[in-house]
Amino acid sequence: MYAIAGLDQVPTKLNRITVALEPELYEALQAYSTRSRRSMSNQISVILEQALITTGDLKAPIARVEKRGGKRPGAGKPKKSERKDDRASSTDSKEPES
């Protein structure tokens, strides 16, 4: 899993595997993923799900609980309600130096 300095969270809680692919298969998968506008990882997951439904090993499509790995706490711009109005406080708090 991934280690992010100071955080105990990982981008996803989904199980992972490593697969070795022949170059031709990798290139075909990459092209298919690009056309489908999916990551290669997500495209492989979709392909496997469809194959397992076809063989009967998976009874129904999997309900997707987690769309993305999530956001690190404190990442991104703060919401308007969380922003501090620094302009007013910075002009009021300055006192002339003597």
C-alpha atoms as a PDB file:
ATOM      1  CA  MET A   1       0.000   0.000   0.000  1.00  0.00           C
ATOM      2  CA  TYR A   2       0.972   3.614  -0.203  1.00  0.00           C
ATOM      3  CA  ALA A   3       2.644   5.489   2.606  1.00  0.00           C
ATOM      4  CA  ILE A   4       1.873   9.160   2.925  1.00  0.00           C
ATOM      5  CA  ALA A   5       4.043  10.977   5.424  1.00  0.00           C
ATOM      6  CA  GLY A   6       2.139  11.585   8.624  1.00  0.00           C
ATOM      7  CA  LEU A   7      -1.055   9.848   7.531  1.00  0.00           C
ATOM      8  CA  ASP A   8      -2.340   6.411   8.421  1.00  0.00           C
ATOM      9  CA  GLN A   9      -4.786   6.381   5.506  1.00  0.00           C
ATOM     10  CA  VAL A  10      -4.269   4.736   2.137  1.00  0.00           C
ATOM     11  CA  PRO A  11      -5.867   5.828  -1.149  1.00  0.00           C
ATOM     12  CA  THR A  12      -8.153   2.796  -1.274  1.00  0.00           C
ATOM     13  CA  LYS A  13      -9.224  -0.091   0.901  1.00  0.00           C
ATOM     14  CA  LEU A  14      -9.785  -2.361  -2.098  1.00  0.00           C
ATOM     15  CA  ASN A  15      -7.684  -5.511  -2.460  1.00  0.00           C
ATOM     16  CA  ARG A  16      -4.838  -5.334  -4.944  1.00  0.00           C
ATOM     17  CA  ILE A  17      -3.020  -7.856  -7.111  1.00  0.00           C
ATOM     18  CA  THR A  18      -0.089  -7.705  -9.495  1.00  0.00           C
ATOM     19  CA  VAL A  19      -0.455  -9.121 -12.992  1.00  0.00           C
ATOM     20  CA  ALA A  20       2.277  -9.633 -15.597  1.00  0.00           C
ATOM     21  CA  LEU A  21       1.053  -8.950 -19.150  1.00  0.00           C
ATOM     22  CA  GLU A  22       2.570  -9.615 -22.551  1.00  0.00           C
ATOM     23  CA  PRO A  23       3.397  -6.345 -24.348  1.00  0.00           C
ATOM     24  CA  GLU A  24       0.678  -6.864 -26.992  1.00  0.00           C
ATOM     25  CA  LEU A  25      -1.968  -7.479 -24.338  1.00  0.00           C
ATOM     26  CA  TYR A  26      -0.804  -4.460 -22.333  1.00  0.00           C
ATOM     27  CA  GLU A  27      -0.997  -2.172 -25.392  1.00  0.00           C
ATOM     28  CA  ALA A  28      -4.467  -3.471 -26.334  1.00  0.00           C
ATOM     29  CA  LEU A  29      -5.679  -2.949 -22.762  1.00  0.00           C
ATOM     30  CA  GLN A  30      -4.209   0.545 -22.698  1.00  0.00           C
ATOM     31  CA  ALA A  31      -5.996   1.451 -25.957  1.00  0.00           C
ATOM     32  CA  TYR A  32      -9.291  -0.037 -24.718  1.00  0.00           C
ATOM     33  CA  SER A  33      -9.021   1.827 -21.408  1.00  0.00           C
ATOM     34  CA  THR A  34      -8.331   5.113 -23.180  1.00  0.00           C
ATOM     35  CA  ARG A  35     -11.347   4.677 -25.458  1.00  0.00           C
ATOM     36  CA  SER A  36     -13.514   3.818 -22.445  1.00  0.00           C
ATOM     37  CA  ARG A  37     -12.111   6.780 -20.478  1.00  0.00           C
ATOM     38  CA  ARG A  38     -11.169   4.539 -17.583  1.00  0.00           C
ATOM     39  CA  SER A  39      -7.926   3.848 -15.792  1.00  0.00           C
ATOM     40  CA  MET A  40      -6.320   0.562 -16.726  1.00  0.00           C
ATOM     41  CA  SER A  41      -6.964  -0.731 -13.222  1.00  0.00           C
ATOM     42  CA  ASN A  42     -10.655   0.120 -13.406  1.00  0.00           C
ATOM     43  CA  GLN A  43     -10.953  -1.319 -16.925  1.00  0.00           C
ATOM     44  CA  ILE A  44      -9.408  -4.616 -15.786  1.00  0.00           C
ATOM     45  CA  SER A  45     -11.864  -4.721 -12.888  1.00  0.00           C
ATOM     46  CA  VAL A  46     -14.806  -4.193 -15.272  1.00  0.00           C
ATOM     47  CA  ILE A  47     -13.525  -6.869 -17.675  1.00  0.00           C
ATOM     48  CA  LEU A  48     -13.053  -9.387 -14.850  1.00  0.00           C
ATOM     49  CA  GLU A  49     -16.494  -8.642 -13.432  1.00  0.00           C
ATOM     50  CA  GLN A  50     -18.138  -9.184 -16.827  1.00  0.00           C
ATOM     51  CA  ALA A  51     -16.212 -12.424 -17.380  1.00  0.00           C
ATOM     52  CA  LEU A  52     -17.127 -13.789 -13.939  1.00  0.00           C
ATOM     53  CA  ILE A  53     -20.816 -12.979 -14.482  1.00  0.00           C
ATOM     54  CA  THR A  54     -20.656 -14.787 -17.839  1.00  0.00           C
ATOM     55  CA  THR A  55     -19.125 -17.915 -16.268  1.00  0.00           C
ATOM     56  CA  GLY A  56     -21.594 -17.839 -13.378  1.00  0.00           C
ATOM     57  CA  ASP A  57     -18.911 -17.408 -10.733  1.00  0.00           C
ATOM     58  CA  LEU A  58     -20.334 -13.989  -9.902  1.00  0.00           C
ATOM     59  CA  LYS A  59     -24.111 -13.817  -9.616  1.00  0.00           C
ATOM     60  CA  ALA A  60     -24.708 -10.081 -10.077  1.00  0.00           C
ATOM     61  CA  PRO A  61     -22.748  -6.887 -10.771  1.00  0.00           C
ATOM     62  CA  ILE A  62     -20.902  -5.571  -7.759  1.00  0.00           C
ATOM     63  CA  ALA A  63     -22.377  -2.497  -6.060  1.00  0.00           C
ATOM     64  CA  ARG A  64     -19.675   0.151  -6.116  1.00  0.00           C
ATOM     65  CA  VAL A  65     -19.284   1.556  -2.622  1.00  0.00           C
ATOM     66  CA  GLU A  66     -16.103   3.524  -3.212  1.00  0.00           C
ATOM     67  CA  LYS A  67     -15.827   5.595  -6.390  1.00  0.00           C
ATOM     68  CA  ARG A  68     -12.403   6.969  -5.576  1.00  0.00           C
ATOM     69  CA  GLY A  69      -9.744   6.498  -2.990  1.00  0.00           C
ATOM     70  CA  GLY A  70     -10.786   9.629  -1.217  1.00  0.00           C
ATOM     71  CA  LYS A  71      -9.298  12.907  -0.272  1.00  0.00           C
ATOM     72  CA  ARG A  72      -6.514  13.519   2.203  1.00  0.00           C
ATOM     73  CA  PRO A  73      -7.704  15.502   5.205  1.00  0.00           C
ATOM     74  CA  GLY A  74      -7.003  19.189   4.632  1.00  0.00           C
ATOM     75  CA  ALA A  75      -6.297  18.789   0.896  1.00  0.00           C
ATOM     76  CA  GLY A  76      -7.646  21.278  -1.609  1.00  0.00           C
ATOM     77  CA  LYS A  77      -9.111  24.726  -1.195  1.00  0.00           C
ATOM     78  CA  PRO A  78     -11.036  25.416   2.000  1.00  0.00           C
ATOM     79  CA  LYS A  79     -14.780  25.951   1.655  1.00  0.00           C
ATOM     80  CA  LYS A  80     -16.008  29.537   1.777  1.00  0.00           C
ATOM     81  CA  SER A  81     -17.468  28.942   5.238  1.00  0.00           C
ATOM     82  CA  GLU A  82     -14.033  27.769   6.479  1.00  0.00           C
ATOM     83  CA  ARG A  83     -11.980  30.636   5.029  1.00  0.00           C
ATOM     84  CA  LYS A  84     -10.661  33.324   7.321  1.00  0.00           C
ATOM     85  CA  ASP A  85     -11.015  36.913   6.258  1.00  0.00           C
ATOM     86  CA  ASP A  86      -7.363  37.879   6.617  1.00  0.00           C
ATOM     87  CA  ARG A  87      -7.800  41.244   4.908  1.00  0.00           C
ATOM     88  CA  ALA A  88      -9.827  42.780   7.727  1.00  0.00           C
ATOM     89  CA  SER A  89      -7.734  41.337  10.535  1.00  0.00           C
ATOM     90  CA  SER A  90      -4.396  42.234   8.928  1.00  0.00           C
ATOM     91  CA  THR A  91      -5.255  45.934   8.526  1.00  0.00           C
ATOM     92  CA  ASP A  92      -6.804  46.286  11.991  1.00  0.00           C
ATOM     93  CA  SER A  93      -4.039  44.517  13.897  1.00  0.00           C
ATOM     94  CA  LYS A  94      -1.162  46.588  12.546  1.00  0.00           C
ATOM     95  CA  GLU A  95      -0.016  49.300  14.881  1.00  0.00           C
ATOM     96  CA  PRO A  96       2.354  52.055  13.815  1.00  0.00           C
ATOM     97  CA  GLU A  97       5.925  51.537  14.936  1.00  0.00           C
ATOM     98  CA  SER A  98       7.711  54.325  16.802  1.00  0.00           C
END
